[in-house]
PDB file of N, CA and C in Angstrom:
ATOM      1  N   MET A   1       0.630  -1.080   0.124  1.00  0.00           N
ATOM      2  CA  MET A   1       0.024  -0.083  -0.169  1.00  0.00           C
ATOM      3  C   MET A   1       0.910   1.451   0.052  1.00  0.00           C
ATOM      4  N   GLU A   2       0.390   2.455  -0.776  1.00  0.00           N
ATOM      5  CA  GLU A   2       1.264   2.829  -0.491  1.00  0.00           C
ATOM      6  C   GLU A   2       0.620   4.148   0.725  1.00  0.00           C
ATOM      7  N   GLU A   3       1.537   4.833   0.895  1.00  0.00           N
ATOM      8  CA  GLU A   3       1.589   6.022   1.816  1.00  0.00           C
ATOM      9  C   GLU A   3       0.234   6.644   1.697  1.00  0.00           C
ATOM     10  N   ASN A   4      -0.092   7.297   0.934  1.00  0.00           N
ATOM     11  CA  ASN A   4      -1.457   8.510   0.610  1.00  0.00           C
ATOM     12  C   ASN A   4      -2.788   7.081   1.057  1.00  0.00           C
ATOM     13  N   GLU A   5      -2.442   5.910   0.756  1.00  0.00           N
ATOM     14  CA  GLU A   5      -3.328   4.916   0.032  1.00  0.00           C
ATOM     15  C   GLU A   5      -3.520   4.794   2.349  1.00  0.00           C
ATOM     16  N   ILE A   6      -2.630   4.641   2.974  1.00  0.00           N
ATOM     17  CA  ILE A   6      -2.648   4.530   4.463  1.00  0.00           C
ATOM     18  C   ILE A   6      -3.279   5.524   5.017  1.00  0.00           C
ATOM     19  N   ILE A   7      -2.679   6.711   4.862  1.00  0.00           N
ATOM     20  CA  ILE A   7      -3.637   7.894   5.480  1.00  0.00           C
ATOM     21  C   ILE A   7      -4.762   7.781   4.902  1.00  0.00           C
ATOM     22  N   GLU A   8      -5.544   7.386   3.787  1.00  0.00           N
ATOM     23  CA  GLU A   8      -7.260   7.887   3.474  1.00  0.00           C
ATOM     24  C   GLU A   8      -7.761   6.761   4.076  1.00  0.00           C
ATOM     25  N   ASN A   9      -7.300   5.364   4.827  1.00  0.00           N
ATOM     26  CA  ASN A   9      -7.575   4.684   5.539  1.00  0.00           C
ATOM     27  C   ASN A   9      -7.943   4.475   7.278  1.00  0.00           C
ATOM     28  N   GLU A  10      -6.599   5.097   7.067  1.00  0.00           N
ATOM     29  CA  GLU A  10      -6.814   5.905   9.350  1.00  0.00           C
ATOM     30  C   GLU A  10      -7.550   6.517   9.221  1.00  0.00           C
ATOM     31  N   GLU A  11      -8.069   7.830   8.034  1.00  0.00           N
ATOM     32  CA  GLU A  11      -8.738   8.503   8.281  1.00  0.00           C
ATOM     33  C   GLU A  11     -10.366   8.263   7.779  1.00  0.00           C
ATOM     34  N   MET A  12     -10.694   7.315   7.117  1.00  0.00           N
ATOM     35  CA  MET A  12     -11.954   6.868   7.094  1.00  0.00           C
ATOM     36  C   MET A  12     -12.149   5.791   8.769  1.00  0.00           C
ATOM     37  N   ASN A  13     -11.477   5.297   9.484  1.00  0.00           N
ATOM     38  CA  ASN A  13     -11.259   4.518  10.279  1.00  0.00           C
ATOM     39  C   ASN A  13     -11.737   5.539  11.708  1.00  0.00           C
ATOM     40  N   GLU A  14     -11.115   6.696  11.557  1.00  0.00           N
ATOM     41  CA  GLU A  14     -11.814   7.342  12.832  1.00  0.00           C
ATOM     42  C   GLU A  14     -13.191   8.182  12.927  1.00  0.00           C
ATOM     43  N   SER A  15     -13.524   7.789  14.356  1.00  0.00           N
ATOM     44  CA  SER A  15     -14.933   7.766  14.697  1.00  0.00           C
ATOM     45  C   SER A  15     -15.275   9.613  14.654  1.00  0.00           C
ATOM     46  N   VAL A  16     -15.923   9.997  13.804  1.00  0.00           N
ATOM     47  CA  VAL A  16     -16.372  11.897  13.922  1.00  0.00           C
ATOM     48  C   VAL A  16     -17.975  11.652  14.823  1.00  0.00           C
ATOM     49  N   GLU A  17     -17.360  12.753  16.244  1.00  0.00           N
ATOM     50  CA  GLU A  17     -18.379  13.130  17.003  1.00  0.00           C
ATOM     51  C   GLU A  17     -19.368  13.980  16.506  1.00  0.00           C
ATOM     52  N   PRO A  18     -20.710  13.286  16.488  1.00  0.00           N
ATOM     53  CA  PRO A  18     -21.544  14.225  16.657  1.00  0.00           C
ATOM     54  C   PRO A  18     -21.741  15.877  16.736  1.00  0.00           C
ATOM     55  N   THR A  19     -22.448  16.215  15.924  1.00  0.00           N
ATOM     56  CA  THR A  19     -22.038  17.759  16.357  1.00  0.00           C
ATOM     57  C   THR A  19     -23.575  17.640  17.620  1.00  0.00           C
ATOM     58  N   PRO A  20     -23.396  19.385  18.052  1.00  0.00           N
ATOM     59  CA  PRO A  20     -24.592  19.436  19.145  1.00  0.00           C
ATOM     60  C   PRO A  20     -25.829  19.182  18.309  1.00  0.00           C
ATOM     61  N   GLU A  21     -25.926  19.946  17.331  1.00  0.00           N
ATOM     62  CA  GLU A  21     -27.393  19.349  16.457  1.00  0.00           C
ATOM     63  C   GLU A  21     -27.654  18.094  16.206  1.00  0.00           C
ATOM     64  N   GLU A  22     -26.860  17.283  15.972  1.00  0.00           N
ATOM     65  CA  GLU A  22     -27.196  16.472  15.090  1.00  0.00           C
ATOM     66  C   GLU A  22     -27.316  14.949  16.827  1.00  0.00           C
ATOM     67  N   ARG A  23     -26.263  15.354  17.308  1.00  0.00           N
ATOM     68  CA  ARG A  23     -26.585  14.614  19.153  1.00  0.00           C
ATOM     69  C   ARG A  23     -27.899  15.000  19.303  1.00  0.00           C
ATOM     70  N   LYS A  24     -28.735  16.569  19.685  1.00  0.00           N
ATOM     71  CA  LYS A  24     -30.061  16.744  20.100  1.00  0.00           C
ATOM     72  C   LYS A  24     -30.989  15.781  18.709  1.00  0.00           C
ATOM     73  N   GLU A  25     -30.747  15.685  17.605  1.00  0.00           N
ATOM     74  CA  GLU A  25     -31.851  14.819  17.003  1.00  0.00           C
ATOM     75  C   GLU A  25     -31.473  13.701  17.475  1.00  0.00           C
ATOM     76  N   GLN A  26     -30.294  12.565  17.685  1.00  0.00           N
ATOM     77  CA  GLN A  26     -30.635  11.913  17.910  1.00  0.00           C
ATOM     78  C   GLN A  26     -31.183  11.315  18.993  1.00  0.00           C
ATOM     79  N   GLU A  27     -31.050  12.324  19.926  1.00  0.00           N
ATOM     80  CA  GLU A  27     -31.760  12.396  21.185  1.00  0.00           C
ATOM     81  C   GLU A  27     -33.335  12.607  21.478  1.00  0.00           C
ATOM     82  N   ARG A  28     -33.313  13.462  20.238  1.00  0.00           N
ATOM     83  CA  ARG A  28     -34.794  13.592  19.900  1.00  0.00           C
ATOM     84  C   ARG A  28     -35.852  12.091  19.223  1.00  0.00           C
ATOM     85  N   GLU A  29     -34.760  11.316  18.687  1.00  0.00           N
ATOM     86  CA  GLU A  29     -35.436   9.721  17.709  1.00  0.00           C
ATOM     87  C   GLU A  29     -35.090   9.026  18.845  1.00  0.00           C
ATOM     88  N   LYS A  30     -34.527   8.683  19.452  1.00  0.00           N
ATOM     89  CA  LYS A  30     -34.538   7.917  20.974  1.00  0.00           C
ATOM     90  C   LYS A  30     -35.999   8.131  21.322  1.00  0.00           C
ATOM     91  N   LEU A  31     -36.289   9.178  21.898  1.00  0.00           N
ATOM     92  CA  LEU A  31     -37.450   9.506  22.672  1.00  0.00           C
ATOM     93  C   LEU A  31     -38.271   9.236  21.930  1.00  0.00           C
ATOM     94  N   ILE A  32     -38.278   9.554  20.797  1.00  0.00           N
ATOM     95  CA  ILE A  32     -39.921   9.265  19.847  1.00  0.00           C
ATOM     96  C   ILE A  32     -40.073   7.949  19.379  1.00  0.00           C
ATOM     97  N   ASN A  33     -38.330   6.910  19.364  1.00  0.00           N
ATOM     98  CA  ASN A  33     -38.851   5.386  19.497  1.00  0.00           C
ATOM     99  C   ASN A  33     -39.295   5.040  21.205  1.00  0.00           C
ATOM    100  N   ASP A  34     -38.649   5.500  22.682  1.00  0.00           N
ATOM    101  CA  ASP A  34     -38.852   5.378  23.690  1.00  0.00           C
ATOM    102  C   ASP A  34     -40.483   5.271  24.174  1.00  0.00           C
ATOM    103  N   LEU A  35     -40.586   6.212  23.762  1.00  0.00           N
ATOM    104  CA  LEU A  35     -42.332   6.889  23.686  1.00  0.00           C
ATOM    105  C   LEU A  35     -43.562   5.718  22.624  1.00  0.00           C
ATOM    106  N   THR A  36     -43.358   5.590  21.344  1.00  0.00           N
ATOM    107  CA  THR A  36     -43.993   4.843  20.560  1.00  0.00           C
ATOM    108  C   THR A  36     -43.742   3.278  21.284  1.00  0.00           C
ATOM    109  N   THR A  37     -42.996   2.902  21.744  1.00  0.00           N
ATOM    110  CA  THR A  37     -42.970   1.696  22.037  1.00  0.00           C
ATOM    111  C   THR A  37     -43.511   1.194  23.304  1.00  0.00           C
ATOM    112  N   GLU A  38     -43.348   2.746  24.477  1.00  0.00           N
ATOM    113  CA  GLU A  38     -44.388   2.571  25.850  1.00  0.00           C
ATOM    114  C   GLU A  38     -45.915   2.368  24.681  1.00  0.00           C
ATOM    115  N   MET A  39     -45.981   3.707  24.545  1.00  0.00           N
ATOM    116  CA  MET A  39     -47.411   3.518  23.722  1.00  0.00           C
ATOM    117  C   MET A  39     -48.168   2.370  23.139  1.00  0.00           C
ATOM    118  N   LEU A  40     -47.252   1.580  22.191  1.00  0.00           N
ATOM    119  CA  LEU A  40     -47.758   0.601  22.394  1.00  0.00           C
ATOM    120  C   LEU A  40     -48.055  -1.062  23.027  1.00  0.00           C
ATOM    121  N   GLU A  41     -46.923  -0.832  24.669  1.00  0.00           N
ATOM    122  CA  GLU A  41     -47.027  -1.636  24.787  1.00  0.00           C
ATOM    123  C   GLU A  41     -47.843  -1.547  25.822  1.00  0.00           C
ATOM    124  N   CYS A  42     -48.277  -0.342  25.901  1.00  0.00           N
ATOM    125  CA  CYS A  42     -49.978   0.013  26.924  1.00  0.00           C
ATOM    126  C   CYS A  42     -51.242  -0.423  25.851  1.00  0.00           C
ATOM    127  N   GLU A  43     -51.230   0.029  24.756  1.00  0.00           N
ATOM    128  CA  GLU A  43     -52.510  -0.679  24.346  1.00  0.00           C
ATOM    129  C   GLU A  43     -52.553  -1.878  24.323  1.00  0.00           C
ATOM    130  N   SER A  44     -51.135  -2.857  23.991  1.00  0.00           N
ATOM    131  CA  SER A  44     -51.379  -4.232  23.911  1.00  0.00           C
ATOM    132  C   SER A  44     -51.991  -4.483  25.517  1.00  0.00           C
ATOM    133  N   ARG A  45     -51.507  -4.135  26.660  1.00  0.00           N
ATOM    134  CA  ARG A  45     -51.642  -4.391  27.711  1.00  0.00           C
ATOM    135  C   ARG A  45     -53.586  -3.954  27.895  1.00  0.00           C
ATOM    136  N   LEU A  46     -54.254  -3.315  27.242  1.00  0.00           N
ATOM    137  CA  LEU A  46     -55.757  -3.073  27.234  1.00  0.00           C
ATOM    138  C   LEU A  46     -56.649  -3.962  26.131  1.00  0.00           C
ATOM    139  N   SER A  47     -55.527  -4.603  25.171  1.00  0.00           N
ATOM    140  CA  SER A  47     -56.179  -5.785  24.179  1.00  0.00           C
ATOM    141  C   SER A  47     -55.755  -7.262  24.537  1.00  0.00           C
ATOM    142  N   SER A  48     -54.454  -7.122  25.333  1.00  0.00           N
ATOM    143  CA  SER A  48     -54.006  -8.437  25.267  1.00  0.00           C
ATOM    144  C   SER A  48     -54.811  -9.371  26.163  1.00  0.00           C
ATOM    145  N   SER A  49     -55.117 -10.637  26.156  1.00  0.00           N
ATOM    146  CA  SER A  49     -55.861 -11.968  26.662  1.00  0.00           C
ATOM    147  C   SER A  49     -54.899 -12.028  28.260  1.00  0.00           C
ATOM    148  N   ALA A  50     -53.325 -12.120  28.157  1.00  0.00           N
ATOM    149  CA  ALA A  50     -52.596 -12.024  29.447  1.00  0.00           C
ATOM    150  C   ALA A  50     -52.747 -11.011  29.975  1.00  0.00           C
ATOM    151  N   SER A  51     -53.156 -10.273  29.788  1.00  0.00           N
ATOM    152  CA  SER A  51     -52.845  -8.880  30.595  1.00  0.00           C
ATOM    153  C   SER A  51     -54.328  -8.694  32.073  1.00  0.00           C
ATOM    154  N   ASN A  52     -54.229  -8.103  33.121  1.00  0.00           N
ATOM    155  CA  ASN A  52     -54.499  -8.405  34.025  1.00  0.00           C
ATOM    156  C   ASN A  52     -55.705  -7.067  34.016  1.00  0.00           C
ATOM    157  N   ILE A  53     -55.558  -6.162  32.991  1.00  0.00           N
ATOM    158  CA  ILE A  53     -56.399  -5.032  32.648  1.00  0.00           C
ATOM    159  C   ILE A  53     -56.952  -5.421  31.103  1.00  0.00           C
ATOM    160  N   GLY A  54     -56.849  -6.657  30.539  1.00  0.00           N
ATOM    161  CA  GLY A  54     -57.606  -6.665  28.940  1.00  0.00           C
ATOM    162  C   GLY A  54     -59.168  -6.328  28.763  1.00  0.00           C
ATOM    163  N   ASP A  55     -58.951  -6.537  27.936  1.00  0.00           N
ATOM    164  CA  ASP A  55     -60.492  -6.440  27.435  1.00  0.00           C
ATOM    165  C   ASP A  55     -60.990  -7.981  27.619  1.00  0.00           C
ATOM    166  N   TRP A  56     -60.718  -8.694  28.094  1.00  0.00           N
ATOM    167  CA  TRP A  56     -61.357 -10.154  27.941  1.00  0.00           C
ATOM    168  C   TRP A  56     -62.124 -10.208  29.419  1.00  0.00           C
ATOM    169  N   LYS A  57     -61.760  -9.063  30.555  1.00  0.00           N
ATOM    170  CA  LYS A  57     -61.797  -9.212  31.995  1.00  0.00           C
ATOM    171  C   LYS A  57     -63.154  -8.035  31.813  1.00  0.00           C
ATOM    172  N   VAL A  58     -63.386  -6.861  30.654  1.00  0.00           N
ATOM    173  CA  VAL A  58     -64.685  -6.197  30.276  1.00  0.00           C
ATOM    174  C   VAL A  58     -65.427  -6.901  29.812  1.00  0.00           C
ATOM    175  N   ILE A  59     -65.147  -8.047  28.942  1.00  0.00           N
ATOM    176  CA  ILE A  59     -66.045  -8.601  28.340  1.00  0.00           C
ATOM    177  C   ILE A  59     -66.875  -9.726  29.181  1.00  0.00           C
ATOM    178  N   LYS A  60     -65.764 -10.459  30.389  1.00  0.00           N
ATOM    179  CA  LYS A  60     -66.375 -11.202  30.776  1.00  0.00           C
ATOM    180  C   LYS A  60     -67.741 -10.986  32.406  1.00  0.00           C
ATOM    181  N   CYS A  61     -67.037  -9.370  32.481  1.00  0.00           N
ATOM    182  CA  CYS A  61     -67.907  -8.379  33.511  1.00  0.00           C
ATOM    183  C   CYS A  61     -69.081  -8.189  32.726  1.00  0.00           C
ATOM    184  N   TYR A  62     -69.169  -7.641  31.218  1.00  0.00           N
ATOM    185  CA  TYR A  62     -70.452  -7.475  30.720  1.00  0.00           C
ATOM    186  C   TYR A  62     -70.869  -8.942  30.648  1.00  0.00           C
ATOM    187  N   GLU A  63     -70.646 -10.055  30.413  1.00  0.00           N
ATOM    188  CA  GLU A  63     -71.332 -11.164  29.910  1.00  0.00           C
ATOM    189  C   GLU A  63     -72.357 -11.888  31.621  1.00  0.00           C
ATOM    190  N   ALA A  64     -71.331 -10.823  32.798  1.00  0.00           N
ATOM    191  CA  ALA A  64     -71.820 -12.009  33.926  1.00  0.00           C
ATOM    192  C   ALA A  64     -73.457 -10.140  34.036  1.00  0.00           C
ATOM    193  N   SER A  65     -73.173  -9.104  34.001  1.00  0.00           N
ATOM    194  CA  SER A  65     -74.137  -8.599  33.805  1.00  0.00           C
ATOM    195  C   SER A  65     -75.356  -8.495  33.017  1.00  0.00           C
ATOM    196  N   LEU A  66     -74.973  -9.195  32.020  1.00  0.00           N
ATOM    197  CA  LEU A  66     -75.912  -9.896  30.822  1.00  0.00           C
ATOM    198  C   LEU A  66     -76.846 -10.608  31.390  1.00  0.00           C
ATOM    199  N   GLN A  67     -76.420 -11.543  32.423  1.00  0.00           N
ATOM    200  CA  GLN A  67     -76.857 -12.668  33.233  1.00  0.00           C
ATOM    201  C   GLN A  67     -77.209 -12.737  34.187  1.00  0.00           C
ATOM    202  N   SER A  68     -77.488 -11.408  34.581  1.00  0.00           N
ATOM    203  CA  SER A  68     -77.572 -10.813  36.683  1.00  0.00           C
ATOM    204  C   SER A  68     -77.092 -11.719  37.558  1.00  0.00           C
ATOM    205  N   LYS A  69     -75.786 -11.784  36.783  1.00  0.00           N
ATOM    206  CA  LYS A  69     -75.035 -12.518  38.190  1.00  0.00           C
ATOM    207  C   LYS A  69     -73.892 -11.906  38.526  1.00  0.00           C
ATOM    208  N   PRO A  70     -72.925 -12.212  39.668  1.00  0.00           N
ATOM    209  CA  PRO A  70     -72.380 -11.111  39.932  1.00  0.00           C
ATOM    210  C   PRO A  70     -70.886 -11.146  39.552  1.00  0.00           C
ATOM    211  N   MET A  71     -70.385  -9.766  39.600  1.00  0.00           N
ATOM    212  CA  MET A  71     -69.153  -9.351  39.136  1.00  0.00           C
ATOM    213  C   MET A  71     -67.992 -10.566  39.173  1.00  0.00           C
ATOM    214  N   PRO A  72     -67.241 -11.182  38.171  1.00  0.00           N
ATOM    215  CA  PRO A  72     -66.113 -11.560  38.513  1.00  0.00           C
ATOM    216  C   PRO A  72     -64.890 -10.752  38.609  1.00  0.00           C
ATOM    217  N   TYR A  73     -64.931 -10.082  38.589  1.00  0.00           N
ATOM    218  CA  TYR A  73     -63.790  -9.106  38.648  1.00  0.00           C
ATOM    219  C   TYR A  73     -64.068  -7.470  39.288  1.00  0.00           C
ATOM    220  N   ASP A  74     -63.568  -7.026  40.055  1.00  0.00           N
ATOM    221  CA  ASP A  74     -64.033  -5.939  40.795  1.00  0.00           C
ATOM    222  C   ASP A  74     -63.989  -4.976  39.720  1.00  0.00           C
ATOM    223  N   ILE A  75     -64.964  -3.901  39.191  1.00  0.00           N
ATOM    224  CA  ILE A  75     -64.869  -3.223  37.925  1.00  0.00           C
ATOM    225  C   ILE A  75     -64.564  -2.165  37.955  1.00  0.00           C
ATOM    226  N   ASP A  76     -64.796  -1.837  39.749  1.00  0.00           N
ATOM    227  CA  ASP A  76     -64.268  -0.227  39.594  1.00  0.00           C
ATOM    228  C   ASP A  76     -62.702  -0.578  39.486  1.00  0.00           C
ATOM    229  N   ASP A  77     -62.181  -1.204  40.005  1.00  0.00           N
ATOM    230  CA  ASP A  77     -60.897  -0.758  39.713  1.00  0.00           C
ATOM    231  C   ASP A  77     -60.341  -1.735  38.883  1.00  0.00           C
ATOM    232  N   LEU A  78     -60.808  -2.192  38.250  1.00  0.00           N
ATOM    233  CA  LEU A  78     -60.424  -2.506  36.717  1.00  0.00           C
ATOM    234  C   LEU A  78     -60.704  -1.218  35.619  1.00  0.00           C
ATOM    235  N   MET A  79     -61.792  -0.579  35.541  1.00  0.00           N
ATOM    236  CA  MET A  79     -61.894   0.368  35.076  1.00  0.00           C
ATOM    237  C   MET A  79     -61.439   1.268  35.201  1.00  0.00           C
ATOM    238  N   GLU A  80     -60.797   1.628  37.079  1.00  0.00           N
ATOM    239  CA  GLU A  80     -59.963   2.789  36.648  1.00  0.00           C
ATOM    240  C   GLU A  80     -58.509   2.754  36.315  1.00  0.00           C
ATOM    241  N   LYS A  81     -58.030   1.709  36.281  1.00  0.00           N
ATOM    242  CA  LYS A  81     -56.571   1.143  36.268  1.00  0.00           C
ATOM    243  C   LYS A  81     -56.424   1.048  34.230  1.00  0.00           C
ATOM    244  N   ARG A  82     -57.766   0.796  33.520  1.00  0.00           N
ATOM    245  CA  ARG A  82     -57.491   0.712  32.311  1.00  0.00           C
ATOM    246  C   ARG A  82     -57.958   2.121  32.149  1.00  0.00           C
ATOM    247  N   GLN A  83     -58.483   3.244  32.835  1.00  0.00           N
ATOM    248  CA  GLN A  83     -58.629   4.361  32.313  1.00  0.00           C
ATOM    249  C   GLN A  83     -57.098   5.356  32.005  1.00  0.00           C
ATOM    250  N   MET A  84     -56.695   4.813  33.492  1.00  0.00           N
ATOM    251  CA  MET A  84     -55.248   5.070  33.644  1.00  0.00           C
ATOM    252  C   MET A  84     -54.563   4.662  32.801  1.00  0.00           C
ATOM    253  N   MET A  85     -54.435   3.489  32.412  1.00  0.00           N
ATOM    254  CA  MET A  85     -53.639   3.452  30.628  1.00  0.00           C
ATOM    255  C   MET A  85     -54.069   3.882  29.672  1.00  0.00           C
ATOM    256  N   ARG A  86     -55.148   4.348  29.296  1.00  0.00           N
ATOM    257  CA  ARG A  86     -55.828   5.316  28.272  1.00  0.00           C
ATOM    258  C   ARG A  86     -55.248   6.849  28.598  1.00  0.00           C
ATOM    259  N   ASN A  87     -55.072   7.029  29.749  1.00  0.00           N
ATOM    260  CA  ASN A  87     -54.685   8.402  30.141  1.00  0.00           C
ATOM    261  C   ASN A  87     -53.208   8.190  29.526  1.00  0.00           C
ATOM    262  N   ARG A  88     -52.571   7.618  30.322  1.00  0.00           N
ATOM    263  CA  ARG A  88     -51.022   7.170  29.744  1.00  0.00           C
ATOM    264  C   ARG A  88     -50.670   7.583  28.048  1.00  0.00           C
ATOM    265  N   ILE A  89     -52.098   6.713  27.255  1.00  0.00           N
ATOM    266  CA  ILE A  89     -51.485   6.595  25.955  1.00  0.00           C
ATOM    267  C   ILE A  89     -51.778   8.041  24.932  1.00  0.00           C
ATOM    268  N   ASN A  90     -52.917   8.471  26.054  1.00  0.00           N
ATOM    269  CA  ASN A  90     -53.054  10.428  25.238  1.00  0.00           C
ATOM    270  C   ASN A  90     -52.183  10.953  25.998  1.00  0.00           C
ATOM    271  N   GLU A  91     -51.502  11.002  27.387  1.00  0.00           N
ATOM    272  CA  GLU A  91     -50.463  11.837  27.170  1.00  0.00           C
ATOM    273  C   GLU A  91     -48.906  11.673  26.142  1.00  0.00           C
ATOM    274  N   ILE A  92     -48.400  10.838  26.167  1.00  0.00           N
ATOM    275  CA  ILE A  92     -47.826   9.960  25.482  1.00  0.00           C
ATOM    276  C   ILE A  92     -47.921  10.527  23.521  1.00  0.00           C
ATOM    277  N   GLN A  93     -49.321  10.919  23.430  1.00  0.00           N
ATOM    278  CA  GLN A  93     -49.419  10.759  21.746  1.00  0.00           C
ATOM    279  C   GLN A  93     -49.066  12.385  21.961  1.00  0.00           C
ATOM    280  N   GLU A  94     -49.923  13.214  22.893  1.00  0.00           N
ATOM    281  CA  GLU A  94     -49.528  14.295  22.662  1.00  0.00           C
ATOM    282  C   GLU A  94     -47.792  14.987  22.891  1.00  0.00           C
ATOM    283  N   GLN A  95     -47.432  13.854  23.433  1.00  0.00           N
ATOM    284  CA  GLN A  95     -45.876  14.369  23.633  1.00  0.00           C
ATOM    285  C   GLN A  95     -45.301  13.889  22.341  1.00  0.00           C
ATOM    286  N   LEU A  96     -45.910  12.963  21.630  1.00  0.00           N
ATOM    287  CA  LEU A  96     -45.233  12.347  19.969  1.00  0.00           C
ATOM    288  C   LEU A  96     -45.976  13.756  19.288  1.00  0.00           C
ATOM    289  N   LYS A  97     -46.712  13.960  19.526  1.00  0.00           N
ATOM    290  CA  LYS A  97     -47.168  15.313  18.280  1.00  0.00           C
ATOM    291  C   LYS A  97     -46.048  16.857  19.321  1.00  0.00           C
ATOM    292  N   GLU A  98     -45.678  16.405  19.700  1.00  0.00           N
ATOM    293  CA  GLU A  98     -44.785  18.025  20.077  1.00  0.00           C
ATOM    294  C   GLU A  98     -43.594  17.427  19.201  1.00  0.00           C
ATOM    295  N   LEU A  99     -42.874  16.590  19.806  1.00  0.00           N
ATOM    296  CA  LEU A  99     -41.660  16.401  19.363  1.00  0.00           C
ATOM    297  C   LEU A  99     -41.674  16.262  17.556  1.00  0.00           C
ATOM    298  N   GLU A 100     -42.720  15.705  17.209  1.00  0.00           N
ATOM    299  CA  GLU A 100     -42.851  15.508  15.794  1.00  0.00           C
ATOM    300  C   GLU A 100     -42.525  17.007  14.394  1.00  0.00           C
ATOM    301  N   ASN A 101     -43.331  18.154  16.023  1.00  0.00           N
ATOM    302  CA  ASN A 101     -43.721  19.519  15.504  1.00  0.00           C
ATOM    303  C   ASN A 101     -42.127  20.182  15.737  1.00  0.00           C
ATOM    304  N   ASN A 102     -41.207  19.521  15.688  1.00  0.00           N
ATOM    305  CA  ASN A 102     -40.031  20.371  16.302  1.00  0.00           C
ATOM    306  C   ASN A 102     -39.300  20.048  15.413  1.00  0.00           C
TER     307      ASN A 102
END
């Protein structure tokens, strides 16, 4: 290898630090990804058959009410926890809107 080729290869292997603007954009993208992941997890908890606040519990309570049977779960507690999850989803959606507009 000639000396010029060695110097060029060494320069290509050097890591370049991101600028403050690039770093800020990377942090913004990471936050968007983290929030999106959290929102999907929250949505999954509401619909999952394995979740303790999943739709299936609401359906079981509804079926019991249609048959005038006692509630199989504490419906007030269930609805409160589900509403907290929906509130968190709404918060995340607002945060994502703000991040996407900046």
